[in-house]
Protein backbone atom coordinates (compact mmCIF):
# COMPACT_ATOMS: atom_id res chain seq x y z
CA MET A 1 42.41 -67.59 138.70
CA GLN A 2 44.66 -67.37 135.62
CA ASP A 3 41.99 -65.47 133.69
CA LYS A 4 41.38 -62.82 136.35
CA LYS A 5 42.22 -59.23 135.54
CA ILE A 6 44.20 -57.64 138.36
CA THR A 7 45.08 -54.00 139.06
CA ILE A 8 47.67 -52.97 141.63
CA ILE A 9 47.66 -49.33 142.73
CA GLY A 10 51.01 -48.54 144.32
CA LEU A 11 54.03 -50.42 143.01
CA GLY A 12 56.24 -50.38 146.10
CA LEU A 13 57.59 -53.32 148.09
CA ILE A 14 54.18 -54.91 148.74
CA GLY A 15 52.58 -54.00 145.40
CA GLY A 16 55.65 -55.08 143.46
CA SER A 17 55.91 -58.34 145.36
CA LEU A 18 52.21 -59.01 144.76
CA ALA A 19 52.67 -58.45 141.03
CA ARG A 20 55.60 -60.87 140.98
CA ALA A 21 53.82 -63.50 143.11
CA LEU A 22 50.56 -63.35 141.15
CA GLY A 23 52.44 -63.82 137.89
CA GLU A 24 54.90 -66.48 139.02
CA ARG A 25 52.67 -68.51 141.33
CA LEU A 26 49.16 -68.05 139.95
CA HIS A 27 50.21 -67.50 136.31
CA ILE A 28 47.94 -64.48 136.03
CA ARG A 29 48.72 -62.81 132.72
CA ASP A 30 46.70 -59.59 132.93
CA ILE A 31 48.19 -57.37 135.65
CA THR A 32 47.97 -53.58 135.46
CA ALA A 33 49.95 -51.28 137.75
CA VAL A 34 49.24 -47.68 138.69
CA ASN A 35 52.11 -45.81 140.32
CA ARG A 36 53.00 -42.17 140.91
CA THR A 37 56.42 -42.50 139.28
CA GLN A 38 57.18 -43.93 135.85
CA GLU A 39 60.47 -45.44 137.05
CA ALA A 40 58.87 -48.34 138.93
CA ILE A 41 56.45 -49.01 136.07
CA ASP A 42 59.29 -49.18 133.55
CA ALA A 43 61.22 -51.57 135.80
CA ALA A 44 58.16 -53.82 136.29
CA LEU A 45 57.44 -53.87 132.55
CA LYS A 46 61.07 -54.80 131.89
CA ASP A 47 60.83 -57.60 134.48
CA GLY A 48 57.65 -58.84 132.81
CA CYS A 49 55.63 -58.89 136.01
CA ILE A 50 52.97 -56.42 134.78
CA SER A 51 51.15 -56.15 131.45
CA ARG A 52 50.81 -52.37 131.42
CA GLY A 53 51.33 -49.42 133.74
CA PHE A 54 50.05 -45.87 134.27
CA THR A 55 51.01 -42.94 136.48
CA GLU A 56 47.32 -42.05 136.98
CA LEU A 57 44.12 -44.07 137.25
CA ASP A 58 43.17 -45.11 133.73
CA GLU A 59 39.84 -46.14 132.19
CA SER A 60 41.26 -49.55 131.36
CA ILE A 61 41.40 -50.62 135.02
CA TRP A 62 37.68 -50.31 135.76
CA ASP A 63 36.82 -53.77 134.40
CA SER A 64 39.32 -55.45 136.75
CA ASP A 65 38.23 -58.47 138.79
CA ILE A 66 40.39 -57.49 141.77
CA ILE A 67 41.91 -54.11 142.59
CA PHE A 68 44.67 -54.02 145.23
CA ILE A 69 45.23 -50.59 146.80
CA CYS A 70 48.84 -50.80 147.99
CA THR A 71 49.28 -47.32 149.42
CA PRO A 72 49.42 -45.84 152.95
CA VAL A 73 46.07 -45.90 154.76
CA ARG A 74 45.26 -42.21 154.29
CA ARG A 75 45.88 -42.39 150.56
CA ALA A 76 43.93 -45.67 150.33
CA VAL A 77 40.85 -44.02 151.86
CA GLU A 78 41.14 -41.15 149.36
CA LEU A 79 41.41 -43.56 146.43
CA LEU A 80 38.56 -45.73 147.62
CA GLU A 81 35.85 -43.19 146.79
CA LEU A 82 36.99 -42.80 143.19
CA VAL A 83 37.64 -46.50 142.62
CA ALA A 84 34.26 -47.41 144.13
CA GLN A 85 32.42 -45.13 141.69
CA LYS A 86 33.99 -46.60 138.56
CA ALA A 87 34.91 -50.24 139.22
CA LYS A 88 32.61 -52.80 137.61
CA PRO A 89 29.98 -54.53 139.80
CA GLY A 90 31.44 -57.55 141.57
CA CYS A 91 35.01 -56.24 141.43
CA ILE A 92 36.79 -57.06 144.69
CA ILE A 93 38.56 -54.02 146.09
CA THR A 94 41.13 -54.72 148.79
CA ASP A 95 44.03 -52.93 150.47
CA VAL A 96 47.25 -53.91 152.24
CA GLY A 97 47.30 -51.29 155.01
CA SER A 98 48.66 -51.85 158.53
CA THR A 99 45.39 -50.69 160.10
CA LYS A 100 41.92 -51.87 159.19
CA ALA A 101 39.23 -50.13 161.29
CA GLU A 102 39.57 -46.71 159.63
CA ILE A 103 39.02 -48.00 156.11
CA ILE A 104 36.31 -50.51 157.11
CA ASP A 105 34.46 -47.72 158.94
CA TYR A 106 34.71 -45.60 155.81
CA ILE A 107 33.14 -48.41 153.77
CA SER A 108 30.35 -48.76 156.34
CA LYS A 109 29.41 -45.09 155.91
CA MET A 110 29.35 -45.17 152.11
CA PRO A 111 25.77 -45.23 150.71
CA ASN A 112 26.78 -47.27 147.66
CA ALA A 113 29.74 -49.11 149.08
CA PRO A 114 31.79 -51.36 146.76
CA LEU A 115 32.62 -54.99 147.43
CA PHE A 116 35.53 -54.50 149.81
CA ILE A 117 37.75 -56.85 151.84
CA GLY A 118 40.41 -55.35 154.08
CA GLY A 119 43.80 -56.97 153.70
CA HIS A 120 47.06 -56.86 155.61
CA PRO A 121 50.01 -59.07 154.59
CA MET A 122 52.21 -59.32 157.68
CA ALA A 123 55.40 -59.21 155.67
CA GLY A 124 58.05 -56.68 154.88
CA ALA A 125 61.73 -56.15 154.25
CA GLU A 126 64.50 -53.83 155.33
CA LYS A 127 64.36 -51.93 152.03
CA THR A 128 61.31 -50.41 150.37
CA GLY A 129 60.22 -49.65 146.82
CA TYR A 130 59.70 -51.78 143.76
CA THR A 131 63.39 -52.65 143.39
CA ALA A 132 63.26 -54.37 146.81
CA SER A 133 60.24 -56.53 145.86
CA PHE A 134 60.39 -60.30 145.41
CA ALA A 135 57.84 -63.03 144.71
CA HIS A 136 58.39 -65.05 147.89
CA LEU A 137 57.93 -62.08 150.27
CA PHE A 138 54.66 -63.61 151.53
CA GLU A 139 55.90 -67.16 152.13
CA ASN A 140 54.78 -68.39 155.58
CA ALA A 141 53.57 -64.89 156.47
CA TYR A 142 50.15 -64.34 157.98
CA TYR A 143 47.84 -62.42 155.66
CA ILE A 144 44.91 -60.85 157.51
CA LEU A 145 41.55 -60.55 155.75
CA SER A 146 38.97 -58.26 157.38
CA PRO A 147 35.45 -58.48 155.91
CA SER A 148 33.30 -55.38 155.48
CA LYS A 149 29.51 -55.01 155.23
CA THR A 150 29.75 -55.69 151.48
CA SER A 151 31.89 -58.85 151.65
CA ASP A 152 30.21 -62.08 150.58
CA GLN A 153 31.24 -65.71 150.91
CA TYR A 154 32.39 -66.01 147.31
CA SER A 155 34.72 -63.01 147.52
CA MET A 156 36.11 -64.15 150.88
CA ASP A 157 36.73 -67.64 149.51
CA LEU A 158 38.41 -66.22 146.41
CA MET A 159 40.71 -63.95 148.40
CA THR A 160 41.49 -66.76 150.85
CA GLU A 161 42.53 -69.02 147.97
CA LEU A 162 44.59 -66.25 146.36
CA VAL A 163 46.42 -65.62 149.65
CA LYS A 164 47.23 -69.33 149.97
CA GLU A 165 48.50 -69.45 146.38
CA ILE A 166 51.04 -66.66 146.96
CA GLY A 167 52.44 -68.69 149.86
CA ALA A 168 50.85 -66.82 152.77
CA ILE A 169 48.61 -68.02 155.61
CA PRO A 170 45.13 -66.43 155.51
CA ILE A 171 43.60 -65.35 158.83
CA THR A 172 40.15 -63.72 159.04
CA LEU A 173 39.95 -61.01 161.71
CA ASP A 174 37.44 -58.32 162.61
CA ALA A 175 38.93 -54.89 161.82
CA TYR A 176 38.91 -53.72 165.44
CA GLU A 177 40.45 -56.94 166.72
CA HIS A 178 43.11 -56.62 164.01
CA ASP A 179 44.00 -53.08 165.09
CA ARG A 180 44.16 -54.04 168.77
CA ILE A 181 46.48 -56.97 168.00
CA THR A 182 48.76 -55.05 165.64
CA GLY A 183 48.78 -52.14 168.07
CA CYS A 184 50.22 -54.45 170.73
CA ILE A 185 52.66 -56.50 168.67
CA SER A 186 53.84 -53.87 166.18
CA HIS A 187 52.70 -50.28 166.56
CA VAL A 188 53.50 -49.69 170.24
CA PRO A 189 56.78 -51.69 170.05
CA HIS A 190 57.90 -49.31 167.28
CA ILE A 191 57.02 -46.35 169.50
CA ILE A 192 58.89 -47.89 172.45
CA ALA A 193 61.97 -48.67 170.33
CA SER A 194 62.06 -45.09 169.09
CA SER A 195 61.57 -43.74 172.61
CA ILE A 196 64.54 -45.81 173.86
CA VAL A 197 66.74 -44.42 171.08
CA ASN A 198 65.57 -40.89 171.88
CA LEU A 199 66.30 -41.55 175.57
CA VAL A 200 69.91 -42.45 174.79
CA ARG A 201 70.22 -39.56 172.33
CA SER A 202 69.04 -37.03 174.93
CA SER A 203 71.12 -38.61 177.72
CA ASP A 204 74.36 -38.91 175.76
CA THR A 205 77.50 -37.04 176.73
CA PRO A 206 79.03 -34.35 174.44
CA ASP A 207 81.71 -36.81 173.34
CA ALA A 208 78.98 -39.33 172.34
CA LYS A 209 80.23 -42.23 174.47
CA MET A 210 76.74 -43.75 174.64
CA GLN A 211 76.46 -43.75 170.86
CA MET A 212 79.88 -45.39 170.60
CA LEU A 213 79.00 -48.17 173.05
CA ALA A 214 75.42 -48.66 171.80
CA ALA A 215 76.26 -51.73 169.77
CA GLY A 216 75.27 -55.39 169.96
CA GLY A 217 72.18 -55.86 172.11
CA PHE A 218 71.12 -52.21 172.07
CA LYS A 219 71.05 -52.06 168.28
CA ASP A 220 69.15 -55.37 168.20
CA ILE A 221 66.35 -54.30 170.53
CA THR A 222 65.98 -50.92 168.79
CA ARG A 223 66.40 -52.13 165.18
CA ILE A 224 62.80 -51.32 164.28
CA ALA A 225 63.37 -47.66 165.18
CA SER A 226 65.07 -47.34 161.79
CA SER A 227 61.72 -47.71 160.02
CA SER A 228 60.25 -44.96 157.81
CA PRO A 229 59.07 -41.96 159.93
CA GLU A 230 56.47 -41.08 157.26
CA MET A 231 54.97 -44.56 157.35
CA TRP A 232 54.80 -44.66 161.14
CA GLU A 233 53.27 -41.22 161.45
CA ASN A 234 50.53 -42.52 159.12
CA ILE A 235 50.02 -45.73 161.10
CA VAL A 236 49.91 -44.03 164.52
CA ILE A 237 47.27 -41.49 163.46
CA SER A 238 45.20 -44.20 161.78
CA ASN A 239 45.23 -46.43 164.89
CA LYS A 240 45.44 -43.77 167.58
CA GLN A 241 42.52 -45.00 169.73
CA GLN A 242 43.98 -48.48 170.14
CA ILE A 243 47.51 -47.14 170.59
CA GLU A 244 46.45 -44.72 173.32
CA GLY A 245 44.90 -47.53 175.37
CA ILE A 246 47.88 -49.85 174.89
CA LEU A 247 50.32 -47.09 175.88
CA GLU A 248 48.33 -46.51 179.08
CA ASN A 249 48.69 -50.19 179.89
CA TYR A 250 52.42 -50.03 179.12
CA VAL A 251 52.92 -46.98 181.35
CA GLU A 252 51.14 -48.87 184.17
CA ILE A 253 53.54 -51.81 183.74
CA ILE A 254 56.56 -49.45 183.86
CA ASN A 255 55.19 -47.63 186.93
CA ASN A 256 54.66 -50.96 188.70
CA PHE A 257 58.23 -51.99 187.91
CA LYS A 258 59.49 -48.64 189.19
CA GLU A 259 57.64 -49.33 192.45
CA TYR A 260 59.28 -52.79 192.68
CA ILE A 261 62.67 -51.06 192.51
CA GLN A 262 61.74 -48.44 195.09
CA THR A 263 60.52 -51.08 197.57
CA ASN A 264 63.28 -53.63 196.83
CA ASP A 265 60.57 -56.09 195.81
CA ILE A 266 62.94 -58.82 194.62
CA LYS A 267 60.15 -61.35 194.09
CA ASN A 268 58.23 -59.18 191.62
CA ILE A 269 61.40 -57.99 189.87
CA TYR A 270 62.32 -61.63 189.26
CA SER A 271 58.76 -62.45 188.16
CA PHE A 272 58.75 -59.51 185.74
CA PHE A 273 61.70 -60.94 183.83
CA GLU A 274 60.67 -64.58 184.25
CA THR A 275 57.16 -64.17 182.81
CA ALA A 276 58.53 -62.16 179.90
CA LYS A 277 61.17 -64.80 179.17
CA ASN A 278 58.69 -67.68 179.32
CA TYR A 279 56.15 -65.96 177.08
CA ARG A 280 58.77 -64.89 174.54
CA ASP A 281 60.29 -68.38 174.44
CA SER A 282 56.84 -69.80 173.64
CA ILE A 283 56.40 -67.61 170.53
CA PRO A 284 56.80 -69.77 167.39
CA THR A 285 59.76 -68.98 165.14
CA SER A 286 58.57 -70.80 161.99
CA LYS A 287 56.10 -68.10 160.93
CA ARG A 288 56.73 -64.54 159.82
CA GLY A 289 55.21 -61.72 161.82
CA LEU A 290 54.74 -57.96 161.51
CA ILE A 291 58.28 -57.05 162.48
CA CYS A 292 60.77 -58.09 159.82
CA PRO A 293 62.97 -60.96 160.99
CA LEU A 294 66.74 -60.64 161.12
CA TYR A 295 68.56 -63.67 159.76
CA GLU A 296 71.92 -63.79 161.49
CA ILE A 297 74.60 -66.14 162.73
CA VAL A 298 77.37 -65.24 165.16
CA VAL A 299 80.74 -66.94 164.74
CA ASP A 300 83.31 -67.21 167.53
CA VAL A 301 86.67 -66.58 165.86
CA VAL A 302 90.21 -65.63 166.82
CA ASP A 303 91.29 -62.18 165.66
CA LYS A 304 93.89 -63.00 163.03
CA PRO A 305 94.66 -61.78 159.50
CA GLY A 306 92.42 -63.26 156.82
CA ILE A 307 89.78 -64.72 159.16
CA ILE A 308 86.88 -62.75 157.61
CA GLY A 309 87.97 -63.79 154.11
CA GLU A 310 88.24 -67.38 155.29
CA ILE A 311 84.67 -67.40 156.57
CA ALA A 312 83.35 -65.60 153.48
CA THR A 313 85.11 -68.08 151.19
CA ILE A 314 83.54 -71.08 152.96
CA LEU A 315 80.06 -69.56 152.70
CA GLY A 316 80.56 -68.44 149.10
CA ALA A 317 81.73 -71.90 148.06
CA GLY A 318 78.57 -73.26 149.68
CA GLY A 319 76.38 -70.95 147.57
CA ILE A 320 75.42 -68.71 150.49
CA ASN A 321 75.10 -64.99 149.81
CA ILE A 322 76.16 -62.68 152.65
CA LYS A 323 74.11 -59.51 153.15
CA ASN A 324 76.39 -58.00 155.77
CA ILE A 325 79.32 -58.98 157.96
CA ASN A 326 80.78 -57.06 160.89
CA VAL A 327 82.78 -57.44 164.08
CA SER A 328 80.82 -57.04 167.29
CA ASN A 329 82.78 -54.91 169.76
CA SER A 330 80.13 -55.20 172.45
CA ARG A 331 79.81 -58.85 173.52
CA GLU A 332 78.07 -58.37 176.85
CA TYR A 333 75.01 -60.41 175.91
CA GLU A 334 76.27 -62.71 173.18
CA GLN A 335 78.88 -65.32 172.36
CA GLY A 336 81.09 -64.90 169.33
CA CYS A 337 82.29 -61.72 167.70
CA LEU A 338 81.67 -62.06 163.95
CA ARG A 339 78.07 -61.25 163.07
CA ILE A 340 76.91 -62.35 159.63
CA THR A 341 73.55 -61.26 158.23
CA LEU A 342 71.99 -63.55 155.63
CA HIS A 343 68.91 -63.45 153.40
CA ASP A 344 66.63 -66.12 154.88
CA SER A 345 66.27 -68.93 157.43
CA GLU A 346 67.46 -71.54 154.92
CA SER A 347 70.73 -69.63 154.48
CA VAL A 348 71.12 -69.48 158.27
CA ASN A 349 70.71 -73.25 158.60
CA ASN A 350 73.06 -73.98 155.70
CA ALA A 351 75.70 -71.56 157.00
CA PHE A 352 75.45 -73.09 160.46
CA GLU A 353 76.02 -76.60 159.07
CA LEU A 354 78.90 -75.51 156.83
CA LEU A 355 80.82 -73.59 159.49
CA THR A 356 80.26 -76.04 162.35
CA GLY A 357 81.42 -78.75 159.95
CA LYS A 358 84.69 -76.82 159.60
CA GLY A 359 85.11 -76.68 163.36
CA TYR A 360 83.85 -73.15 164.05
CA LYS A 361 81.64 -72.29 167.02
CA VAL A 362 78.48 -70.85 165.49
CA TYR A 363 75.36 -69.47 167.16
CA LYS A 364 71.99 -68.84 165.49
CA ARG A 365 70.30 -65.56 166.39
């Protein structure tokens, strides 16, 4: 793997993190990046995670062994035609898009289709762009591989091994099954979160009391509504057939619940919440999914001068970096009032041990 020549088209969060991971974990020395802006290329060259970079497709990339297209789905489909014409025979072309059927269908219709394997690393971060990238982004994250008509066993085995080496968990899924699953667990939840925010926005009073009180639990359940509108417009159009069907199912569930309310059907109202709770509680927490995790602890403290500095000092002395710290004014659904956002699950566990050891009441989110 060390001798493979890699090209990454699109040096954002995913592309940048791939470049870092391939260099640090697989010790690949020949990594070329193609990006629309020179800024990210200059930063990556300075970091030493790419060998060379271009703002347009360059002749030097056509003898690559693997080409990663790390752009939105629509742009990836546009690039595919050009890359397919010029890449050397046997070059594995792959993408990292959130939908798979559209690009796999495109490959199926190409008369001289290239060797293509659809890819989708189920990992992300709150910030985007190359500056937000890091080598361990893919650790314990599922990485979907969707074969096309041109995939062979060797290329699938190679990509599977590469995915393992960057710390991810490879899963092979048919493109349509992938889009149905991601539609349910990511795409429609983002639509619902945004619709809830728009509901409150349109229902708010002129003095914005709803906005003022929409803290704590409300911000938690709608956190994903802060995602990039451009990205989600792209995803929804690319996966519209699956999303339409899932939304119909969702509307049916809501209509049924509305009927339970109208008929005072206490049994089904209880069952609605009980089945949801049981299913959610059974979802594993050790793996990373499509929606970025939030690493938080909540500390129950007395409101007194210097308490925030006291907590920050304990964590700082323990080598724990705080991303954010704020006081929760809405405590209807949670214990504690000091919410501390950290970088990863290890930091959460270490902070929990440190603060409980000092006698504080601490709750993991």
